[in-house]
Amino acid sequence: MILTIDVGNTNITCGVFQGDEIAASFRITTKMPRTSDEYGMMLLNLLEQNDIHPTEIKDAIICSVVPNVMHSLRGGLVKYFHITPIVVEAGIKTGIRIVTPNPQQIGADRIVDAVGAYEIYGGPVLVIDFGTATTYDYVDESGAFQGGITAPGIRISAKALWEDAAKLPEIEIKKPASILGKDTITSMQAGLVYGQIGQTEYIINRVKAEVGLENIKTVVTGGLGRIIANETDAVDIYDPNLTLKGINLVYKKQNRKIK
């Protein structure tokens, strides 16, 4: 079994793969500082809770956008699993050609999303990840990463509302019954959710117009992606595990011998 780890700004999402199938997945918060012992013990406990013995984990791969987590996380894998993980970074074989002027500026999370979307669903494809930021990345039919868009995520927008406007409360992010809010909470929910739907549809249509293609698949992932995907015909596929699948696909390209 292969342990795939996606270190995001909000959560560390872990998936255990047996071939192409996810045997288990779980999340850890990112923002709390932890030692290598804490990471190691936490991963051991979470695996055991999912009926996976630590000796079944034969290798690991990490995709991270949070550099200050990496030393402790890698140390925990080495100390408790006797594994030196692969890290998705510049120079690693991915199967995706990045044709932007500065390829090293493309985040590892966006690369593995692009790999997952292109290899599983084919190209041309626009992959949208509703994470801490909302990212839109276009991969053409040949597998070339052509560029993307970065926008504030829904939670960032919500946080800005209740932190910067004294009378606006912290709210649950969900679609209200009507776009016309009847009170403060539902009006905020309407602005956040319907605003994100409108942004999504506009960007999808704008990308299609700019590249001159209508047959671009749109694949959505990320924690809040389901809310948006369910509300617009502009989205073709919602895949909550796309990032982990992409990491697993990148792992397979490394030709690493498992001990």
Protein backbone atom coordinates (compact mmCIF):
# COMPACT_ATOMS: atom_id res chain seq x y z
CA MET A 1 0.00 0.00 0.00
CA ILE A 2 1.11 3.54 -0.78
CA LEU A 3 0.47 6.46 1.56
CA THR A 4 -0.30 9.67 -0.35
CA ILE A 5 -0.23 12.95 1.60
CA ASP A 6 -1.63 16.27 0.40
CA VAL A 7 -0.45 19.12 2.65
CA GLY A 8 -2.79 22.06 2.10
CA ASN A 9 -3.07 25.37 3.89
CA THR A 10 -6.07 24.21 5.92
CA ASN A 11 -5.84 20.41 6.10
CA ILE A 12 -3.40 17.57 5.53
CA THR A 13 -5.36 14.96 3.58
CA CYS A 14 -4.03 11.41 3.53
CA GLY A 15 -5.02 8.54 1.27
CA VAL A 16 -3.92 4.92 1.32
CA PHE A 17 -3.86 3.33 -2.13
CA GLN A 18 -3.91 -0.31 -3.07
CA GLY A 19 -3.14 0.01 -6.77
CA ASP A 20 -5.67 2.51 -8.14
CA GLU A 21 -8.15 2.04 -5.31
CA ILE A 22 -8.34 4.17 -2.16
CA ALA A 23 -8.41 1.83 0.83
CA ALA A 24 -8.74 4.66 3.37
CA SER A 25 -8.55 8.43 3.69
CA PHE A 26 -8.42 10.86 6.61
CA ARG A 27 -7.56 14.46 7.45
CA ILE A 28 -5.37 16.32 9.95
CA THR A 29 -5.42 20.08 10.53
CA THR A 30 -2.40 21.86 9.08
CA LYS A 31 -2.13 24.99 11.18
CA MET A 32 -1.21 23.37 14.50
CA PRO A 33 2.61 23.03 14.84
CA ARG A 34 3.65 19.41 15.41
CA THR A 35 6.86 17.49 15.99
CA SER A 36 7.98 14.49 13.96
CA ASP A 37 6.90 12.24 16.85
CA GLU A 38 3.43 13.76 16.85
CA TYR A 39 3.04 13.28 13.11
CA GLY A 40 4.35 9.73 13.29
CA MET A 41 2.10 8.70 16.18
CA MET A 42 -0.94 10.42 14.67
CA LEU A 43 -0.48 8.65 11.34
CA LEU A 44 0.00 5.30 13.10
CA ASN A 45 -3.21 5.77 15.10
CA LEU A 46 -5.27 6.92 12.12
CA LEU A 47 -4.11 3.99 10.01
CA GLU A 48 -4.98 1.54 12.78
CA GLN A 49 -8.41 3.15 13.14
CA ASN A 50 -8.90 2.36 9.45
CA ASP A 51 -7.82 -1.29 9.95
CA ILE A 52 -4.50 -0.78 8.19
CA HIS A 53 -1.38 -2.13 9.88
CA PRO A 54 1.62 0.23 9.57
CA THR A 55 3.73 -2.57 8.02
CA GLU A 56 1.30 -2.62 5.07
CA ILE A 57 2.53 0.87 4.08
CA LYS A 58 5.39 0.20 1.69
CA ASP A 59 6.08 3.74 0.46
CA ALA A 60 4.86 7.33 0.69
CA ILE A 61 4.63 10.47 -1.42
CA ILE A 62 3.94 14.04 -0.29
CA CYS A 63 2.50 16.98 -2.20
CA SER A 64 2.82 20.15 -0.13
CA VAL A 65 2.15 23.88 -0.37
CA VAL A 66 3.22 24.48 3.25
CA PRO A 67 7.04 24.31 3.46
CA ASN A 68 7.34 24.70 7.25
CA VAL A 69 5.43 21.44 7.82
CA MET A 70 7.75 19.32 5.73
CA HIS A 71 10.70 18.74 8.06
CA SER A 72 8.58 17.28 10.87
CA LEU A 73 6.28 15.35 8.56
CA ARG A 74 9.13 13.73 6.68
CA GLY A 75 10.88 13.01 9.97
CA GLY A 76 7.78 11.26 11.29
CA LEU A 77 7.61 9.00 8.24
CA VAL A 78 11.29 8.13 8.48
CA LYS A 79 11.20 7.47 12.24
CA TYR A 80 7.93 5.57 12.53
CA PHE A 81 7.53 3.96 9.09
CA HIS A 82 11.19 3.69 7.99
CA ILE A 83 10.20 5.39 4.74
CA THR A 84 11.88 8.33 3.05
CA PRO A 85 8.96 9.80 1.12
CA ILE A 86 8.98 11.10 -2.43
CA VAL A 87 8.15 14.81 -2.58
CA VAL A 88 6.34 16.34 -5.54
CA GLU A 89 8.62 19.21 -6.53
CA ALA A 90 10.49 20.70 -9.47
CA GLY A 91 12.22 18.03 -11.55
CA ILE A 92 9.96 15.14 -10.59
CA LYS A 93 8.40 13.13 -13.42
CA THR A 94 4.65 13.90 -13.68
CA GLY A 95 3.63 13.25 -17.29
CA ILE A 96 2.37 16.84 -17.60
CA ARG A 97 4.34 19.40 -19.59
CA ILE A 98 4.24 22.84 -18.02
CA VAL A 99 4.55 25.40 -20.80
CA THR A 100 4.24 28.56 -18.69
CA PRO A 101 7.25 30.94 -18.56
CA ASN A 102 8.12 30.01 -14.95
CA PRO A 103 7.15 26.35 -14.37
CA GLN A 104 8.64 26.31 -10.86
CA GLN A 105 6.01 28.83 -9.76
CA ILE A 106 3.21 26.34 -10.35
CA GLY A 107 2.15 24.82 -7.02
CA ALA A 108 2.57 21.09 -6.49
CA ASP A 109 -1.14 20.79 -5.66
CA ARG A 110 -2.10 22.25 -9.02
CA ILE A 111 0.26 19.91 -10.83
CA VAL A 112 -1.17 16.76 -9.23
CA ASP A 113 -4.73 18.00 -9.84
CA ALA A 114 -3.80 18.48 -13.50
CA VAL A 115 -2.25 15.00 -13.68
CA GLY A 116 -5.32 13.41 -12.11
CA ALA A 117 -7.82 15.25 -14.29
CA TYR A 118 -5.91 14.69 -17.54
CA GLU A 119 -5.05 11.02 -17.03
CA ILE A 120 -8.42 9.96 -15.60
CA TYR A 121 -10.79 12.10 -17.65
CA GLY A 122 -8.70 13.11 -20.69
CA GLY A 123 -7.99 16.46 -22.26
CA PRO A 124 -8.58 19.21 -22.94
CA VAL A 125 -9.64 19.71 -19.34
CA LEU A 126 -10.18 22.58 -16.93
CA VAL A 127 -9.65 21.42 -13.36
CA ILE A 128 -11.12 23.53 -10.57
CA ASP A 129 -10.06 23.05 -6.95
CA PHE A 130 -12.20 24.69 -4.27
CA GLY A 131 -9.64 24.77 -1.49
CA THR A 132 -8.28 27.61 0.64
CA ALA A 133 -7.90 29.37 -2.71
CA THR A 134 -10.05 28.51 -5.70
CA THR A 135 -7.82 27.53 -8.62
CA TYR A 136 -8.67 26.94 -12.27
CA ASP A 137 -6.03 25.21 -14.43
CA TYR A 138 -6.22 24.37 -18.11
CA VAL A 139 -4.51 21.32 -19.65
CA ASP A 140 -4.77 20.95 -23.41
CA GLU A 141 -5.39 17.80 -25.42
CA SER A 142 -1.68 16.97 -25.60
CA GLY A 143 -1.22 17.11 -21.81
CA ALA A 144 0.37 20.57 -21.67
CA PHE A 145 -0.39 22.74 -18.65
CA GLN A 146 -1.16 26.05 -20.35
CA GLY A 147 -2.00 28.29 -17.39
CA GLY A 148 -4.56 29.03 -14.75
CA ILE A 149 -6.48 31.42 -12.54
CA THR A 150 -6.25 31.91 -8.76
CA ALA A 151 -9.14 33.42 -6.81
CA PRO A 152 -9.97 33.74 -3.10
CA GLY A 153 -11.56 30.57 -1.75
CA ILE A 154 -15.10 30.58 -0.36
CA ARG A 155 -13.85 30.31 3.24
CA ILE A 156 -11.38 33.17 2.72
CA SER A 157 -14.22 35.34 1.38
CA ALA A 158 -16.47 34.36 4.27
CA LYS A 159 -13.73 35.07 6.81
CA ALA A 160 -13.15 38.51 5.28
CA LEU A 161 -16.85 39.31 5.74
CA TRP A 162 -17.13 38.44 9.41
CA GLU A 163 -13.69 39.67 10.42
CA ASP A 164 -13.76 43.00 8.59
CA ALA A 165 -17.42 43.95 9.04
CA ALA A 166 -18.19 44.42 12.74
CA LYS A 167 -21.85 43.42 12.61
CA LEU A 168 -21.57 40.40 10.32
CA PRO A 169 -21.52 37.04 12.13
CA GLU A 170 -19.52 33.88 11.46
CA ILE A 171 -21.80 31.61 9.42
CA GLU A 172 -22.09 28.12 7.96
CA ILE A 173 -21.30 28.07 4.25
CA LYS A 174 -24.28 26.54 2.47
CA LYS A 175 -26.74 27.42 -0.26
CA PRO A 176 -29.79 29.27 1.10
CA ALA A 177 -33.30 28.55 -0.12
CA SER A 178 -33.37 31.73 -2.20
CA ILE A 179 -30.79 34.06 -3.71
CA LEU A 180 -32.74 36.87 -2.03
CA GLY A 181 -31.66 36.53 1.60
CA LYS A 182 -34.32 37.24 4.21
CA ASP A 183 -31.87 38.04 7.00
CA THR A 184 -28.18 38.74 7.54
CA ILE A 185 -27.12 35.09 7.57
CA THR A 186 -29.00 33.99 4.45
CA SER A 187 -27.96 37.13 2.57
CA MET A 188 -24.30 36.34 3.35
CA GLN A 189 -24.79 32.72 2.32
CA ALA A 190 -26.41 33.86 -0.93
CA GLY A 191 -23.55 36.21 -1.72
CA LEU A 192 -20.89 33.60 -0.99
CA VAL A 193 -22.44 30.60 -2.75
CA TYR A 194 -24.21 32.24 -5.69
CA GLY A 195 -21.27 34.59 -6.13
CA GLN A 196 -18.95 31.58 -6.41
CA ILE A 197 -21.32 29.88 -8.86
CA GLY A 198 -21.38 33.00 -11.03
CA GLN A 199 -17.59 33.32 -10.91
CA THR A 200 -17.19 29.64 -11.82
CA GLU A 201 -19.52 29.82 -14.79
CA TYR A 202 -17.97 33.04 -16.09
CA ILE A 203 -14.39 31.75 -15.86
CA ILE A 204 -15.27 28.43 -17.51
CA ASN A 205 -16.97 30.24 -20.41
CA ARG A 206 -14.15 32.77 -20.69
CA VAL A 207 -11.49 30.02 -20.85
CA LYS A 208 -13.46 28.19 -23.55
CA ALA A 209 -13.76 31.40 -25.56
CA GLU A 210 -10.09 32.30 -25.19
CA VAL A 211 -8.76 28.90 -26.30
CA GLY A 212 -11.44 28.58 -28.97
CA LEU A 213 -12.83 25.24 -27.79
CA GLU A 214 -16.26 24.27 -26.48
CA ASN A 215 -15.53 20.62 -25.73
CA ILE A 216 -13.37 21.23 -22.65
CA LYS A 217 -14.21 18.93 -19.75
CA THR A 218 -14.60 20.72 -16.43
CA VAL A 219 -13.54 18.65 -13.41
CA VAL A 220 -14.13 19.97 -9.89
CA THR A 221 -12.55 18.90 -6.61
CA GLY A 222 -12.03 20.36 -3.14
CA GLY A 223 -14.03 20.37 0.07
CA LEU A 224 -16.70 22.88 -1.01
CA GLY A 225 -16.64 21.86 -4.65
CA ARG A 226 -19.74 19.67 -4.34
CA ILE A 227 -21.91 22.67 -3.40
CA ILE A 228 -20.89 24.49 -6.58
CA ALA A 229 -20.84 21.44 -8.86
CA ASN A 230 -24.43 20.57 -7.88
CA GLU A 231 -25.67 24.03 -8.85
CA THR A 232 -24.33 24.53 -12.36
CA ASP A 233 -24.42 22.68 -15.67
CA ALA A 234 -21.02 24.19 -16.50
CA VAL A 235 -19.34 21.48 -14.37
CA ASP A 236 -19.06 18.01 -15.89
CA ILE A 237 -17.49 15.98 -13.06
CA TYR A 238 -17.07 16.31 -9.30
CA ASP A 239 -14.27 14.11 -7.93
CA PRO A 240 -13.59 14.68 -4.21
CA ASN A 241 -10.45 12.51 -4.29
CA LEU A 242 -8.90 13.96 -7.44
CA THR A 243 -5.81 15.39 -5.69
CA LEU A 244 -4.99 12.12 -3.92
CA LYS A 245 -5.51 10.20 -7.18
CA GLY A 246 -3.19 12.62 -8.94
CA ILE A 247 -0.51 12.12 -6.28
CA ASN A 248 -0.84 8.36 -6.66
CA LEU A 249 -0.48 8.66 -10.45
CA VAL A 250 2.66 10.78 -10.01
CA TYR A 251 4.04 8.14 -7.63
CA LYS A 252 3.59 5.44 -10.28
CA LYS A 253 5.76 7.39 -12.72
CA GLN A 254 8.80 7.37 -10.43
CA ASN A 255 9.76 3.71 -11.05
CA ARG A 256 10.74 3.47 -7.40
CA LYS A 257 11.50 -0.01 -6.09
CA ILE A 258 9.52 -0.82 -2.96
CA LYS A 259 11.60 -2.54 -0.32
